[in-house]
Amino acid sequence: IDEKIKDLVKEPSRYNVIFLNDNATPMEWVVDLLINIFKHTHSSAEHITMEIHTNGSAVVGTYSYEIAEQKTIEATKSSHENGFPLQIKMEAE
């Protein structure tokens, strides 16, 4: 029975949330999103923002599918409501 249970229990897949660089979204806005939605510290949010700016994209968090989807939707909606074309994507880890 123990062997069957181990076979049935599987860790959920994890998904990376990735911010893509653009020329219209201010860095301050990206830092605010990282702090308020993704719960980064101010210094880590600034570091990630610079990585996005320098490399064109960066992973801002890794979550289960549902949480990654919710955070992606929340950040995208907030950005678009404030007039910023920030693009965010999810991909399997």
Protein backbone atom coordinates (compact mmCIF):
# COMPACT_ATOMS: atom_id res chain seq x y z
CA ILE A 1 0.00 0.00 0.00
CA ASP A 2 2.82 2.44 0.84
CA GLU A 3 4.30 2.00 -2.62
CA LYS A 4 0.96 2.72 -4.30
CA ILE A 5 0.46 5.87 -2.23
CA LYS A 6 3.92 7.16 -3.15
CA ASP A 7 3.12 6.64 -6.83
CA LEU A 8 -0.15 8.56 -6.58
CA VAL A 9 1.16 11.57 -4.66
CA LYS A 10 2.94 13.92 -7.01
CA GLU A 11 4.19 17.44 -6.36
CA PRO A 12 2.29 20.04 -8.38
CA SER A 13 4.09 21.58 -11.33
CA ARG A 14 5.72 24.95 -10.73
CA TYR A 15 5.51 27.93 -13.07
CA ASN A 16 7.79 30.91 -13.54
CA VAL A 17 6.23 34.35 -13.88
CA ILE A 18 8.34 36.39 -16.29
CA PHE A 19 8.26 40.16 -16.86
CA LEU A 20 9.28 41.35 -20.34
CA ASN A 21 11.05 44.65 -20.93
CA ASP A 22 9.38 47.46 -22.86
CA ASN A 23 10.17 51.13 -23.43
CA ALA A 24 6.90 52.51 -22.04
CA THR A 25 6.51 51.03 -18.54
CA PRO A 26 8.43 53.05 -15.93
CA MET A 27 10.89 51.19 -13.73
CA GLU A 28 9.21 52.65 -10.63
CA TRP A 29 5.95 50.94 -11.65
CA VAL A 30 7.70 47.59 -12.08
CA VAL A 31 9.33 47.97 -8.64
CA ASP A 32 5.91 48.74 -7.11
CA LEU A 33 4.36 45.64 -8.71
CA LEU A 34 7.19 43.45 -7.48
CA ILE A 35 6.78 44.77 -3.93
CA ASN A 36 2.98 44.84 -3.74
CA ILE A 37 1.94 41.78 -5.74
CA PHE A 38 4.99 39.54 -5.71
CA LYS A 39 6.07 40.48 -2.14
CA HIS A 40 9.70 41.26 -2.92
CA THR A 41 11.76 43.57 -0.73
CA HIS A 42 12.58 46.98 -2.16
CA SER A 43 16.20 46.03 -2.85
CA SER A 44 15.32 42.72 -4.54
CA ALA A 45 12.61 44.47 -6.59
CA GLU A 46 15.15 47.03 -7.82
CA HIS A 47 17.65 44.26 -8.64
CA ILE A 48 15.04 42.28 -10.63
CA THR A 49 13.90 45.46 -12.42
CA MET A 50 17.48 46.13 -13.53
CA GLU A 51 17.75 42.53 -14.72
CA ILE A 52 14.58 42.97 -16.79
CA HIS A 53 15.93 46.22 -18.23
CA THR A 54 19.36 44.77 -19.01
CA ASN A 55 18.44 41.27 -20.23
CA GLY A 56 15.01 41.94 -21.73
CA SER A 57 13.19 39.69 -19.24
CA ALA A 58 13.49 38.14 -15.80
CA VAL A 59 11.75 35.57 -13.63
CA VAL A 60 9.98 37.46 -10.85
CA GLY A 61 8.62 34.40 -9.01
CA THR A 62 7.93 30.68 -9.19
CA TYR A 63 4.58 29.37 -7.96
CA SER A 64 1.99 26.66 -8.41
CA TYR A 65 -0.09 27.17 -11.56
CA GLU A 66 -3.07 28.82 -9.84
CA ILE A 67 -1.00 31.30 -7.86
CA ALA A 68 1.21 32.15 -10.86
CA GLU A 69 -1.89 32.70 -12.99
CA GLN A 70 -3.55 34.92 -10.37
CA LYS A 71 -0.47 37.08 -9.87
CA THR A 72 0.03 37.37 -13.64
CA ILE A 73 -3.58 38.47 -14.15
CA GLU A 74 -3.47 40.91 -11.23
CA ALA A 75 -0.21 42.56 -12.35
CA THR A 76 -1.28 42.73 -16.02
CA LYS A 77 -4.69 44.20 -15.17
CA SER A 78 -3.21 46.78 -12.82
CA SER A 79 -0.61 47.81 -15.40
CA HIS A 80 -3.13 48.17 -18.21
CA GLU A 81 -5.55 50.11 -15.98
CA ASN A 82 -2.72 52.57 -15.32
CA GLY A 83 -1.84 52.86 -19.01
CA PHE A 84 1.31 50.70 -19.06
CA PRO A 85 1.77 47.98 -21.71
CA LEU A 86 3.78 45.67 -19.43
CA GLN A 87 3.83 42.12 -20.77
CA ILE A 88 3.96 39.19 -18.37
CA LYS A 89 4.11 35.52 -19.27
CA MET A 90 4.08 32.21 -17.47
CA GLU A 91 6.05 29.12 -18.36
CA ALA A 92 6.63 25.78 -16.74
CA GLU A 93 9.71 25.65 -14.56
